[in-house]
Amino acid sequence: MKTIPAPITVAFFLLLPSLSSAQPDLRWVRFQDGYGKDDFIEDIAVDSGGNVYVAGWTTNASNNSDYYMAKYDPAGNRRWYHLYDNGADDAARSVAVKGAAVYVTGRSRSGSGFGAHDDIVSFVLDTAGTIVPDNSNALRFDFGGSHRDDDAVEIIPAPDPAQPALFFSAVHADTGIAGIFYVAGTHKDTLSGSDDLVVLMYDGSGFLGAASHHLAGDEVIKGMALGGDDAVYIGATSYVGGGSPSYRMVTVKFDRDLAFGWEKIYANVDLDFLLGIAADASGVYVTGTSYSACGDPDVAVIRYAPDGTQGWVTRAYDCASGQVGSGGILVDDNTVYAAGYHANGSQYFGIDKSDGTIRYQGDSPVQSAWVSIVKSYDGNIYFGGHKLFYDLPYDGTHMVKFDGGGTSQWDVVYDGSGSGQANTISKMVSGGSDSSIVLVGSVTVGGQQDMMILKYGVGESMLTGVGDEAGSQAIVPGSYELLQNFPNPFNSSTTIKFRLPAEARVSLKIFDVLGREAVTVLEGRDGPGEREVVLRADDLSSGIYFCRFSSDGHTQTRKLVLMR
């Protein structure tokens, strides 16, 4: 059996001058070098316990790429990994986790010589890693049996209420894992030879159906999102060659059973590149780079209502700054966040969902491609990606925090090689239940790419369900947290707030300075969400007390001061 070494830990990082809030804590970094050749992590998912699942590829001893799938615990220890090798090039492209199931998709070479072609290959594993992916449990898809190239980009499990109306077997024969999931990618059209969009639907036991969409030219798919109406949205760039080549943003909607809904094209001057997509109950939002008539690029964001009506188009500056989109996009209740970069740094835009107005923006002096955005429970916004190769002296991972009004709190740049070699980030997500953020990608050392995973502690609870891949918009904390009571000091009463990422048993008790229990404020089940209780101190004497919060193995203490 092929093996790859345990992860290596190294750390080189630089904090830039903005010091208006507590700095992030680099908790751990893991590098993975399989065979002394190129390796890369394409995607990441984090479960409610903070375990990290990654998907990518490693170059084997025969110079072919193998699927790489792995689980790391919250402390960065690799708990299991699997390689999948069908004999030629195989690469995992996307991973998702839901309940006891880990979903992975990618491409796999089939055959050899003339007629060899790529298939879309997906796997359903369990979170314990007991299922070894091989050809017996591979969900292999060759569109139309045409033996032409197919490729996957993203995999998303459907939310539980959105089970399709099609008949399906709800239980995977090997694992007892249930559920619908969708795979988005491309297939090579038999007649035109162009790359067309394709969406596949599976349950835990096998294939349910596929939908394809053809435009003139090639489609480069950038993402998939599930809407609040259970729809499946695909975002892509369509390329039409010839004497006057054009690039157009394409958004396509299918219903949950993969019946075609609509197609929308955005073409300003036929140089429009879709880079990111997000959806919720209000519709679908796409972002990318769109050129103006003057020849300058803009960050463009377009909203489509669920029925396909174009709601608004927001362009960053339209011939004023040469603003290039980077693909990061996030949608919450009121705002669409999109990112880009220009000659003097990077920038994000907070756009009003109702009318497309740019309400605020945040700036960083670091010129970076921010590929992902996450938001904290307190309204702070985090952007993650990598510095562009021509932005000296470092070519590193870049993460920045803004408050809700667009004021920069800090920038942090990390160079995995320690010598300014290329760092590439493919995705950033919140780290689950421990107030953290995780980024994945690669670092180049001596001309060789190694896998890279970074975990930062950021000192606050992240939101879950905002722009999440399952399409759910339920806003809940991403971690267990006891907030400081208010007011403090207090006289007769004070309010205590705590946060739960899931329903759990909660204990909230007050102790004096000698460690004696003074009051049991709460004992029982609650959550998820932010909860508050009022402590009335009628029977307590003036002095210092401690409030201890315990839930699901998490404990936190805050100091209270009672002044009569």
Protein backbone atom coordinates (compact mmCIF):
# COMPACT_ATOMS: atom_id res chain seq x y z
CA MET A 1 0.00 0.00 0.00
CA LYS A 2 1.22 3.47 -0.80
CA THR A 3 2.03 5.61 2.21
CA ILE A 4 2.88 9.23 2.66
CA PRO A 5 4.67 10.64 5.69
CA ALA A 6 3.09 12.25 8.71
CA PRO A 7 2.69 16.02 8.51
CA ILE A 8 5.56 18.38 9.28
CA THR A 9 5.11 21.50 11.39
CA VAL A 10 6.92 24.78 10.60
CA ALA A 11 5.96 28.43 11.06
CA PHE A 12 7.07 31.65 9.40
CA PHE A 13 4.70 34.59 9.58
CA LEU A 14 4.56 38.35 9.50
CA LEU A 15 2.03 40.63 11.19
CA LEU A 16 1.49 43.87 9.35
CA PRO A 17 1.17 47.13 11.27
CA SER A 18 -2.61 47.29 11.92
CA LEU A 19 -2.93 46.58 15.65
CA SER A 20 -6.42 47.79 16.54
CA SER A 21 -7.58 44.43 17.93
CA ALA A 22 -6.17 41.22 19.37
CA GLN A 23 -3.90 39.47 16.90
CA PRO A 24 -4.64 35.98 15.57
CA ASP A 25 -2.92 33.00 17.14
CA LEU A 26 -1.24 30.65 14.67
CA ARG A 27 -2.15 27.38 16.40
CA TRP A 28 -0.60 24.93 13.98
CA VAL A 29 0.61 24.39 10.44
CA ARG A 30 0.87 21.06 8.61
CA PHE A 31 2.80 20.36 5.43
CA GLN A 32 2.38 17.12 3.52
CA ASP A 33 4.95 15.82 1.06
CA GLY A 34 4.04 12.43 -0.36
CA TYR A 35 6.83 11.32 -2.67
CA GLY A 36 9.09 14.36 -2.95
CA LYS A 37 6.96 15.69 -5.83
CA ASP A 38 4.06 18.08 -6.30
CA ASP A 39 1.09 17.81 -3.92
CA PHE A 40 -1.89 20.12 -3.47
CA ILE A 41 -5.04 20.46 -1.34
CA GLU A 42 -8.02 21.60 -3.40
CA ASP A 43 -10.76 21.80 -0.77
CA ILE A 44 -11.59 21.61 2.94
CA ALA A 45 -14.60 20.88 5.15
CA VAL A 46 -14.88 21.12 8.94
CA ASP A 47 -17.40 19.24 11.09
CA SER A 48 -19.13 20.50 14.24
CA GLY A 49 -16.37 19.00 16.39
CA GLY A 50 -13.64 20.96 14.61
CA ASN A 51 -12.23 17.98 12.68
CA VAL A 52 -10.75 19.00 9.34
CA TYR A 53 -11.31 16.99 6.13
CA VAL A 54 -9.26 17.75 3.03
CA ALA A 55 -9.28 16.65 -0.59
CA GLY A 56 -6.49 17.03 -3.12
CA TRP A 57 -3.84 15.06 -4.93
CA THR A 58 -0.32 13.77 -4.52
CA THR A 59 2.14 12.87 -7.27
CA ASN A 60 3.20 9.24 -6.92
CA ALA A 61 6.45 7.46 -7.73
CA SER A 62 5.24 6.85 -11.30
CA ASN A 63 4.65 10.60 -11.78
CA ASN A 64 0.88 10.14 -11.84
CA SER A 65 -1.40 11.97 -9.45
CA ASP A 66 -3.46 10.09 -6.84
CA TYR A 67 -6.59 11.15 -4.99
CA TYR A 68 -5.72 12.30 -1.46
CA MET A 69 -8.42 12.33 1.25
CA ALA A 70 -7.60 12.88 4.92
CA LYS A 71 -8.95 13.80 8.34
CA TYR A 72 -7.11 15.95 10.88
CA ASP A 73 -8.36 16.43 14.44
CA PRO A 74 -8.75 19.94 15.94
CA ALA A 75 -5.14 19.80 17.22
CA GLY A 76 -3.80 19.09 13.72
CA ASN A 77 -3.08 15.37 14.15
CA ARG A 78 -3.81 13.35 11.04
CA ARG A 79 -6.29 10.65 12.05
CA TRP A 80 -6.54 8.87 8.71
CA TYR A 81 -5.88 9.30 5.04
CA HIS A 82 -6.76 7.44 1.85
CA LEU A 83 -5.22 7.41 -1.60
CA TYR A 84 -7.12 6.35 -4.70
CA ASP A 85 -5.18 5.31 -7.81
CA ASN A 86 -6.95 3.99 -10.89
CA GLY A 87 -3.64 3.52 -12.66
CA ALA A 88 -3.17 6.96 -14.19
CA ASP A 89 -3.93 10.53 -13.06
CA ASP A 90 -6.58 10.91 -10.34
CA ALA A 91 -7.30 14.06 -8.32
CA ALA A 92 -9.83 14.87 -5.61
CA ARG A 93 -11.36 18.30 -6.19
CA SER A 94 -13.99 18.86 -3.50
CA VAL A 95 -14.98 17.53 -0.07
CA ALA A 96 -18.02 18.04 2.18
CA VAL A 97 -19.06 16.57 5.52
CA LYS A 98 -22.54 16.12 6.92
CA GLY A 99 -23.34 14.06 9.98
CA ALA A 100 -21.51 10.73 9.72
CA ALA A 101 -20.75 11.08 6.02
CA VAL A 102 -17.77 12.50 4.15
CA TYR A 103 -18.43 13.24 0.47
CA VAL A 104 -15.52 13.52 -1.98
CA THR A 105 -15.49 14.07 -5.73
CA GLY A 106 -12.89 14.59 -8.44
CA ARG A 107 -11.64 13.19 -11.70
CA SER A 108 -10.06 9.87 -12.55
CA ARG A 109 -8.29 8.70 -15.69
CA SER A 110 -9.82 5.65 -17.37
CA GLY A 111 -8.09 3.55 -20.00
CA SER A 112 -4.73 4.18 -21.62
CA GLY A 113 -3.34 5.31 -24.94
CA PHE A 114 -5.79 6.39 -27.63
CA GLY A 115 -9.25 6.63 -26.09
CA ALA A 116 -8.07 7.30 -22.54
CA HIS A 117 -10.38 9.77 -20.85
CA ASP A 118 -11.25 11.35 -17.49
CA ASP A 119 -14.37 10.34 -15.56
CA ILE A 120 -16.01 12.06 -12.62
CA VAL A 121 -15.48 9.81 -9.59
CA SER A 122 -17.12 10.35 -6.21
CA PHE A 123 -16.96 8.51 -2.89
CA VAL A 124 -19.05 8.41 0.28
CA LEU A 125 -16.89 7.65 3.32
CA ASP A 126 -17.62 7.65 7.02
CA THR A 127 -15.98 10.13 9.36
CA ALA A 128 -14.01 7.34 11.06
CA GLY A 129 -12.19 6.61 7.80
CA THR A 130 -13.10 2.90 7.92
CA ILE A 131 -14.24 2.84 4.28
CA VAL A 132 -11.29 2.46 1.91
CA PRO A 133 -12.10 4.04 -1.47
CA ASP A 134 -11.45 1.69 -4.37
CA ASN A 135 -13.10 0.69 -7.65
CA SER A 136 -15.73 -1.36 -5.81
CA ASN A 137 -17.29 1.69 -4.15
CA ALA A 138 -16.33 4.39 -6.68
CA LEU A 139 -19.29 6.29 -8.10
CA ARG A 140 -17.83 6.64 -11.60
CA PHE A 141 -19.58 8.80 -14.17
CA ASP A 142 -18.84 8.91 -17.92
CA PHE A 143 -21.37 11.23 -19.55
CA GLY A 144 -23.42 9.33 -22.11
CA GLY A 145 -20.86 6.54 -22.11
CA SER A 146 -19.01 8.62 -24.72
CA HIS A 147 -15.52 8.04 -23.24
CA ARG A 148 -14.71 11.75 -23.43
CA ASP A 149 -13.26 13.89 -20.66
CA ASP A 150 -15.42 14.70 -17.61
CA ASP A 151 -14.28 16.70 -14.59
CA ALA A 152 -15.81 17.57 -11.20
CA VAL A 153 -15.44 20.88 -9.37
CA GLU A 154 -17.72 20.80 -6.33
CA ILE A 155 -19.76 18.42 -4.18
CA ILE A 156 -22.58 19.54 -1.85
CA PRO A 157 -24.89 17.44 0.36
CA ALA A 158 -28.52 18.50 0.25
CA PRO A 159 -30.14 19.81 3.42
CA ASP A 160 -32.48 17.27 5.01
CA PRO A 161 -35.80 18.99 4.21
CA ALA A 162 -34.95 19.10 0.51
CA GLN A 163 -35.04 15.42 -0.38
CA PRO A 164 -35.85 15.18 -4.10
CA ALA A 165 -39.14 13.76 -5.25
CA LEU A 166 -37.39 11.04 -7.25
CA PHE A 167 -37.43 7.52 -5.87
CA PHE A 168 -34.19 6.70 -4.13
CA SER A 169 -32.69 4.27 -1.67
CA ALA A 170 -31.87 6.29 1.44
CA VAL A 171 -29.19 4.01 2.92
CA HIS A 172 -25.73 3.31 1.60
CA ALA A 173 -25.32 -0.47 1.45
CA ASP A 174 -21.86 -0.47 3.03
CA THR A 175 -22.03 2.31 5.59
CA GLY A 176 -25.59 3.05 6.64
CA ILE A 177 -24.99 6.61 5.45
CA ALA A 178 -28.08 8.30 4.06
CA GLY A 179 -28.61 11.45 2.05
CA ILE A 180 -28.77 13.22 -1.27
CA PHE A 181 -25.73 14.99 -2.68
CA TYR A 182 -24.96 16.90 -5.86
CA VAL A 183 -21.78 17.03 -7.95
CA ALA A 184 -21.08 19.86 -10.39
CA GLY A 185 -18.55 19.72 -13.20
CA THR A 186 -18.10 19.60 -16.95
CA HIS A 187 -18.28 17.00 -19.70
CA LYS A 188 -16.92 17.04 -23.23
CA ASP A 189 -19.75 17.48 -25.72
CA THR A 190 -19.72 14.70 -28.34
CA LEU A 191 -20.80 16.85 -31.29
CA SER A 192 -19.07 20.18 -30.67
CA GLY A 193 -16.13 18.99 -28.58
CA SER A 194 -16.78 21.85 -26.14
CA ASP A 195 -16.87 21.59 -22.36
CA ASP A 196 -20.48 21.71 -21.15
CA LEU A 197 -21.90 22.03 -17.64
CA VAL A 198 -23.12 18.90 -15.88
CA VAL A 199 -24.78 18.33 -12.50
CA LEU A 200 -25.09 14.84 -11.01
CA MET A 201 -27.37 13.69 -8.21
CA TYR A 202 -26.71 10.72 -5.93
CA ASP A 203 -27.97 9.26 -2.75
CA GLY A 204 -25.79 7.13 -0.48
CA SER A 205 -26.35 4.05 -2.61
CA GLY A 206 -25.81 5.33 -6.10
CA PHE A 207 -26.60 7.45 -9.12
CA LEU A 208 -30.02 9.13 -9.43
CA GLY A 209 -29.70 11.37 -12.46
CA ALA A 210 -27.80 14.03 -14.38
CA ALA A 211 -28.51 17.34 -16.08
CA SER A 212 -26.39 18.94 -18.77
CA HIS A 213 -26.33 22.44 -20.21
CA HIS A 214 -24.72 23.46 -23.49
CA LEU A 215 -23.71 26.90 -24.73
CA ALA A 216 -21.67 27.86 -27.76
CA GLY A 217 -18.05 27.40 -26.74
CA ASP A 218 -16.45 26.05 -23.58
CA GLU A 219 -17.73 26.47 -20.03
CA VAL A 220 -15.31 26.76 -17.12
CA ILE A 221 -17.34 26.02 -14.00
CA LYS A 222 -16.45 27.99 -10.87
CA GLY A 223 -18.94 26.81 -8.31
CA MET A 224 -22.31 25.48 -7.22
CA ALA A 225 -24.72 26.78 -4.59
CA LEU A 226 -28.00 25.47 -3.17
CA GLY A 227 -30.67 28.12 -2.80
CA GLY A 228 -33.30 28.59 -0.14
CA ASP A 229 -35.88 27.25 -2.61
CA ASP A 230 -33.92 23.96 -2.83
CA ALA A 231 -32.65 24.96 -6.28
CA VAL A 232 -29.22 24.04 -7.62
CA TYR A 233 -27.34 27.02 -9.07
CA ILE A 234 -24.22 26.74 -11.22
CA GLY A 235 -21.80 29.58 -11.95
CA ALA A 236 -19.40 29.44 -14.89
CA THR A 237 -17.47 31.41 -17.48
CA SER A 238 -18.35 30.68 -21.09
CA TYR A 239 -15.61 31.08 -23.68
CA VAL A 240 -16.35 31.47 -27.38
CA GLY A 241 -13.28 31.53 -29.62
CA GLY A 242 -12.80 32.61 -33.20
CA GLY A 243 -11.90 35.95 -34.70
CA SER A 244 -13.43 37.89 -31.80
CA PRO A 245 -13.20 35.69 -28.69
CA SER A 246 -15.58 36.48 -25.85
CA TYR A 247 -15.92 35.53 -22.21
CA ARG A 248 -19.32 35.72 -20.49
CA MET A 249 -20.61 35.09 -16.98
CA VAL A 250 -23.19 32.29 -17.04
CA THR A 251 -25.59 31.41 -14.21
CA VAL A 252 -27.82 28.35 -14.58
CA LYS A 253 -30.63 27.13 -12.34
CA PHE A 254 -31.93 23.58 -11.94
CA ASP A 255 -34.63 22.50 -9.53
CA ARG A 256 -33.83 19.95 -6.83
CA ASP A 257 -34.72 17.10 -9.22
CA LEU A 258 -32.35 18.62 -11.83
CA ALA A 259 -35.06 19.87 -14.17
CA PHE A 260 -33.73 22.91 -16.07
CA GLY A 261 -34.96 26.24 -14.72
CA TRP A 262 -33.22 29.08 -16.52
CA GLU A 263 -29.94 30.40 -17.90
CA LYS A 264 -28.69 33.95 -17.50
CA ILE A 265 -25.73 35.54 -19.27
CA TYR A 266 -23.94 38.68 -18.19
CA ALA A 267 -21.78 40.25 -20.90
CA ASN A 268 -20.61 43.84 -20.53
CA VAL A 269 -18.02 44.02 -23.31
CA ASP A 270 -17.59 40.23 -23.72
CA LEU A 271 -14.69 40.09 -21.27
CA ASP A 272 -16.54 38.88 -18.19
CA PHE A 273 -15.14 36.15 -15.91
CA LEU A 274 -17.29 34.56 -13.20
CA LEU A 275 -15.23 33.62 -10.14
CA GLY A 276 -17.66 33.03 -7.26
CA ILE A 277 -21.28 32.16 -6.51
CA ALA A 278 -23.52 32.21 -3.41
CA ALA A 279 -27.26 31.71 -2.91
CA ASP A 280 -29.99 31.96 -0.30
CA ALA A 281 -33.76 32.30 -0.22
CA SER A 282 -33.58 35.73 -1.89
CA GLY A 283 -31.85 34.39 -5.00
CA VAL A 284 -28.37 33.83 -6.37
CA TYR A 285 -25.38 36.19 -6.41
CA VAL A 286 -22.33 35.89 -8.66
CA THR A 287 -19.09 37.84 -8.70
CA GLY A 288 -16.04 38.09 -10.90
CA THR A 289 -14.00 40.34 -13.15
CA SER A 290 -15.83 42.34 -15.80
CA TYR A 291 -14.10 44.71 -18.20
CA SER A 292 -15.47 48.15 -19.01
CA ALA A 293 -15.60 49.80 -22.41
CA CYS A 294 -12.50 51.80 -21.47
CA GLY A 295 -10.53 48.56 -21.09
CA ASP A 296 -10.22 48.59 -17.29
CA PRO A 297 -11.40 45.62 -15.20
CA ASP A 298 -13.99 45.95 -12.43
CA VAL A 299 -15.23 43.74 -9.63
CA ALA A 300 -18.81 43.00 -10.71
CA VAL A 301 -21.59 41.48 -8.58
CA ILE A 302 -24.94 40.46 -10.10
CA ARG A 303 -28.12 39.41 -8.32
CA TYR A 304 -30.76 37.16 -9.87
CA ALA A 305 -34.09 36.51 -8.18
CA PRO A 306 -35.26 32.87 -7.90
CA ASP A 307 -37.38 33.33 -11.05
CA GLY A 308 -34.33 34.51 -13.01
CA THR A 309 -35.09 38.22 -13.00
CA GLN A 310 -31.89 40.24 -12.89
CA GLY A 311 -32.19 42.38 -9.77
CA TRP A 312 -29.12 44.62 -9.94
CA VAL A 313 -25.55 44.85 -11.18
CA THR A 314 -22.91 46.49 -9.00
CA ARG A 315 -19.55 47.41 -10.49
CA ALA A 316 -16.67 48.53 -8.30
CA TYR A 317 -15.47 51.69 -10.03
CA ASP A 318 -16.14 51.34 -13.77
CA CYS A 319 -13.03 52.77 -15.43
CA ALA A 320 -11.64 54.31 -12.26
CA SER A 321 -9.18 51.88 -10.69
CA GLY A 322 -8.44 48.63 -12.55
CA GLN A 323 -10.12 46.49 -9.86
CA VAL A 324 -9.78 42.74 -10.47
CA GLY A 325 -12.19 40.28 -8.86
CA SER A 326 -10.79 37.49 -6.70
CA GLY A 327 -13.85 35.26 -6.29
CA GLY A 328 -14.56 35.54 -2.59
CA ILE A 329 -18.29 36.03 -1.98
CA LEU A 330 -20.55 35.66 1.06
CA VAL A 331 -24.24 36.44 1.61
CA ASP A 332 -25.93 37.12 4.94
CA ASP A 333 -29.34 38.50 5.86
CA ASN A 334 -28.73 42.02 4.55
CA THR A 335 -25.40 42.18 2.77
CA VAL A 336 -23.40 40.65 -0.06
CA TYR A 337 -19.64 40.69 0.50
CA ALA A 338 -17.32 40.52 -2.51
CA ALA A 339 -13.57 41.00 -2.88
CA GLY A 340 -10.98 42.16 -5.39
CA TYR A 341 -7.53 43.66 -5.78
CA HIS A 342 -5.95 46.58 -7.59
CA ALA A 343 -2.50 48.07 -8.08
CA ASN A 344 -2.22 49.36 -4.50
CA GLY A 345 -3.70 46.52 -2.49
CA SER A 346 -6.92 44.57 -1.88
CA GLN A 347 -10.45 45.64 -1.17
CA TYR A 348 -13.83 44.27 -0.21
CA PHE A 349 -17.31 45.66 -0.74
CA GLY A 350 -20.35 45.39 1.51
CA ILE A 351 -23.30 45.58 -0.90
CA ASP A 352 -26.90 46.09 0.17
CA LYS A 353 -28.88 43.02 -0.91
CA SER A 354 -32.02 45.00 -1.63
CA ASP A 355 -30.70 47.52 -4.16
CA GLY A 356 -27.03 46.74 -4.90
CA THR A 357 -25.68 49.91 -3.25
CA ILE A 358 -22.12 49.70 -1.89
CA ARG A 359 -22.71 50.61 1.75
CA TYR A 360 -19.11 50.28 2.91
CA GLN A 361 -15.76 48.90 1.90
CA GLY A 362 -12.53 47.79 3.54
CA ASP A 363 -8.98 48.22 2.27
CA SER A 364 -5.71 46.36 2.79
CA PRO A 365 -2.29 47.47 1.50
CA VAL A 366 -1.52 43.83 0.56
CA GLN A 367 -2.33 42.90 -3.03
CA SER A 368 -4.02 39.51 -2.68
CA ALA A 369 -6.55 37.18 -4.23
CA TRP A 370 -9.09 36.70 -1.42
CA VAL A 371 -10.79 33.43 -2.34
CA SER A 372 -12.94 32.96 0.79
CA ILE A 373 -14.89 35.04 3.30
CA VAL A 374 -16.22 34.11 6.75
CA LYS A 375 -18.12 36.19 9.29
CA SER A 376 -18.08 36.16 13.06
CA TYR A 377 -21.09 36.09 15.32
CA ASP A 378 -20.27 39.69 16.35
CA GLY A 379 -20.26 40.93 12.75
CA ASN A 380 -16.52 40.99 12.00
CA ILE A 381 -15.49 39.87 8.50
CA TYR A 382 -12.46 37.71 7.67
CA PHE A 383 -10.95 37.42 4.20
CA GLY A 384 -8.42 34.76 3.23
CA GLY A 385 -6.28 34.02 0.20
CA HIS A 386 -2.75 34.52 -1.03
CA LYS A 387 -0.56 37.41 -2.03
CA LEU A 388 0.01 37.72 -5.74
CA PHE A 389 3.37 36.58 -7.03
CA TYR A 390 4.50 40.05 -8.02
CA ASP A 391 3.81 41.56 -4.60
CA LEU A 392 7.22 41.51 -2.91
CA PRO A 393 8.86 40.77 -0.52
CA TYR A 394 6.60 37.89 0.48
CA ASP A 395 4.47 35.63 -1.68
CA GLY A 396 2.49 34.29 1.25
CA THR A 397 -0.85 33.32 2.64
CA HIS A 398 -2.83 36.42 3.56
CA MET A 399 -5.70 36.79 6.05
CA VAL A 400 -7.29 40.06 7.16
CA LYS A 401 -9.96 41.01 9.66
CA PHE A 402 -12.38 43.95 9.28
CA ASP A 403 -15.01 45.12 11.70
CA GLY A 404 -18.61 45.43 10.53
CA GLY A 405 -18.02 48.97 9.26
CA GLY A 406 -15.04 48.13 7.08
CA THR A 407 -12.23 49.25 9.42
CA SER A 408 -9.17 47.00 9.22
CA GLN A 409 -8.29 45.26 12.50
CA TRP A 410 -5.20 43.36 11.37
CA ASP A 411 -3.42 41.75 8.43
CA VAL A 412 -1.40 38.58 8.80
CA VAL A 413 0.88 37.14 6.12
CA TYR A 414 2.33 33.63 6.43
CA ASP A 415 5.18 32.27 4.31
CA GLY A 416 5.28 28.50 4.55
CA SER A 417 8.70 28.24 2.92
CA GLY A 418 10.27 31.00 4.96
CA SER A 419 11.99 32.29 1.85
CA GLY A 420 9.30 34.01 -0.21
CA GLN A 421 8.39 30.98 -2.33
CA ALA A 422 4.88 30.70 -3.77
CA ASN A 423 2.02 30.03 -1.35
CA THR A 424 -1.40 29.29 -2.83
CA ILE A 425 -4.64 29.15 -0.85
CA SER A 426 -7.60 27.32 -2.35
CA LYS A 427 -10.12 27.82 0.47
CA MET A 428 -10.67 29.22 3.97
CA VAL A 429 -13.43 28.12 6.39
CA SER A 430 -14.37 28.62 10.02
CA GLY A 431 -12.83 25.99 12.25
CA GLY A 432 -15.88 24.66 14.11
CA SER A 433 -16.26 24.88 17.86
CA ASP A 434 -13.01 26.54 18.96
CA SER A 435 -13.08 30.11 17.60
CA SER A 436 -10.71 29.38 14.75
CA ILE A 437 -10.19 29.70 11.00
CA VAL A 438 -8.53 27.09 8.77
CA LEU A 439 -6.90 27.66 5.36
CA VAL A 440 -5.64 25.07 2.87
CA GLY A 441 -3.58 25.05 -0.30
CA SER A 442 0.10 24.54 -1.04
CA VAL A 443 3.54 26.01 -0.59
CA THR A 444 6.38 25.76 -3.09
CA VAL A 445 9.83 24.90 -1.76
CA GLY A 446 12.71 24.37 -4.16
CA GLY A 447 10.35 24.19 -7.12
CA GLN A 448 8.17 21.52 -5.46
CA GLN A 449 4.59 21.98 -4.19
CA ASP A 450 3.70 20.58 -0.78
CA MET A 451 0.23 20.46 0.78
CA MET A 452 -0.35 23.07 3.45
CA ILE A 453 -2.97 23.49 6.21
CA LEU A 454 -2.98 26.47 8.62
CA LYS A 455 -5.17 26.98 11.66
CA TYR A 456 -5.54 30.35 13.39
CA GLY A 457 -7.30 31.11 16.63
CA VAL A 458 -9.16 34.39 16.25
CA GLY A 459 -10.71 34.74 19.70
CA GLU A 460 -14.37 34.90 18.70
CA SER A 461 -17.17 32.64 17.60
CA MET A 462 -17.67 32.20 13.87
CA LEU A 463 -21.09 32.05 12.23
CA THR A 464 -22.24 28.83 10.65
CA GLY A 465 -24.97 28.60 8.04
CA VAL A 466 -24.11 31.93 6.36
CA GLY A 467 -23.38 31.12 2.74
CA ASP A 468 -22.79 27.52 3.73
CA GLU A 469 -22.62 24.86 1.06
CA ALA A 470 -25.81 23.09 2.08
CA GLY A 471 -27.80 26.25 1.37
CA SER A 472 -29.00 26.65 4.96
CA GLN A 473 -29.22 30.20 6.25
CA ALA A 474 -29.76 29.37 9.92
CA ILE A 475 -27.40 31.72 11.76
CA VAL A 476 -25.88 30.03 14.77
CA PRO A 477 -22.57 30.47 16.61
CA GLY A 478 -19.63 28.38 15.48
CA SER A 479 -18.38 27.70 18.99
CA TYR A 480 -19.33 27.42 22.67
CA GLU A 481 -18.75 30.76 24.35
CA LEU A 482 -19.52 32.60 27.59
CA LEU A 483 -19.64 36.35 27.08
CA GLN A 484 -18.73 38.95 29.69
CA ASN A 485 -21.73 39.92 31.77
CA PHE A 486 -23.17 43.44 31.45
CA PRO A 487 -23.12 45.64 33.38
CA ASN A 488 -19.96 44.73 35.22
CA PRO A 489 -19.47 45.89 37.96
CA PHE A 490 -23.17 45.64 38.77
CA ASN A 491 -25.45 46.49 41.67
CA SER A 492 -28.52 44.30 41.98
CA SER A 493 -28.68 42.42 38.65
CA THR A 494 -26.63 41.70 35.54
CA THR A 495 -27.21 39.94 32.20
CA ILE A 496 -25.15 36.89 31.28
CA LYS A 497 -25.02 35.73 27.67
CA PHE A 498 -23.67 32.48 26.22
CA ARG A 499 -23.54 30.87 22.78
CA LEU A 500 -24.14 27.31 21.65
CA PRO A 501 -23.41 25.93 18.15
CA ALA A 502 -25.83 23.03 18.75
CA GLU A 503 -28.41 21.89 21.26
CA ALA A 504 -26.58 20.79 24.40
CA ARG A 505 -26.80 20.53 28.16
CA VAL A 506 -25.76 23.77 29.85
CA SER A 507 -24.59 24.51 33.38
CA LEU A 508 -24.20 28.13 34.51
CA LYS A 509 -23.05 28.60 38.12
CA ILE A 510 -21.70 31.43 40.27
CA PHE A 511 -18.80 30.84 42.72
CA ASP A 512 -17.20 33.08 45.33
CA VAL A 513 -13.44 33.73 45.60
CA LEU A 514 -13.05 30.65 47.87
CA GLY A 515 -14.52 28.40 45.20
CA ARG A 516 -17.83 27.86 46.99
CA GLU A 517 -20.94 27.63 44.82
CA ALA A 518 -23.18 30.64 45.48
CA VAL A 519 -25.90 30.40 42.80
CA THR A 520 -26.98 27.92 40.13
CA VAL A 521 -28.20 30.22 37.38
CA LEU A 522 -29.09 27.55 34.83
CA GLU A 523 -29.02 23.77 34.59
CA GLY A 524 -30.62 22.07 31.58
CA ARG A 525 -30.67 21.79 27.79
CA ASP A 526 -30.67 24.78 25.46
CA GLY A 527 -29.56 26.08 22.06
CA PRO A 528 -28.42 26.42 19.41
CA GLY A 529 -27.94 30.18 19.29
CA GLU A 530 -27.16 33.04 21.65
CA ARG A 531 -28.99 32.89 24.97
CA GLU A 532 -29.14 35.27 27.91
CA VAL A 533 -30.18 35.01 31.54
CA VAL A 534 -30.47 37.61 34.27
CA LEU A 535 -28.60 37.07 37.53
CA ARG A 536 -30.35 38.74 40.48
CA ALA A 537 -27.92 39.27 43.36
CA ASP A 538 -30.38 40.03 46.14
CA ASP A 539 -28.89 37.37 48.43
CA LEU A 540 -25.22 38.01 47.59
CA SER A 541 -22.74 40.25 49.39
CA SER A 542 -20.52 42.77 47.64
CA GLY A 543 -17.35 41.28 46.24
CA ILE A 544 -15.75 39.31 43.40
CA TYR A 545 -17.49 36.26 41.95
CA PHE A 546 -16.83 33.89 39.09
CA CYS A 547 -19.39 32.65 36.56
CA ARG A 548 -18.58 29.17 35.23
CA PHE A 549 -20.18 28.01 31.98
CA SER A 550 -20.05 24.31 31.08
CA SER A 551 -21.55 22.65 28.00
CA ASP A 552 -20.70 19.54 26.01
CA GLY A 553 -17.18 19.31 27.49
CA HIS A 554 -16.47 23.03 27.04
CA THR A 555 -15.83 25.15 30.15
CA GLN A 556 -15.27 28.89 30.44
CA THR A 557 -15.15 31.31 33.39
CA ARG A 558 -15.76 35.07 33.65
CA LYS A 559 -15.15 37.40 36.62
CA LEU A 560 -18.13 39.33 38.04
CA VAL A 561 -17.90 42.28 40.43
CA LEU A 562 -20.87 43.02 42.69
CA MET A 563 -20.86 46.53 44.21
CA ARG A 564 -23.68 47.54 46.56
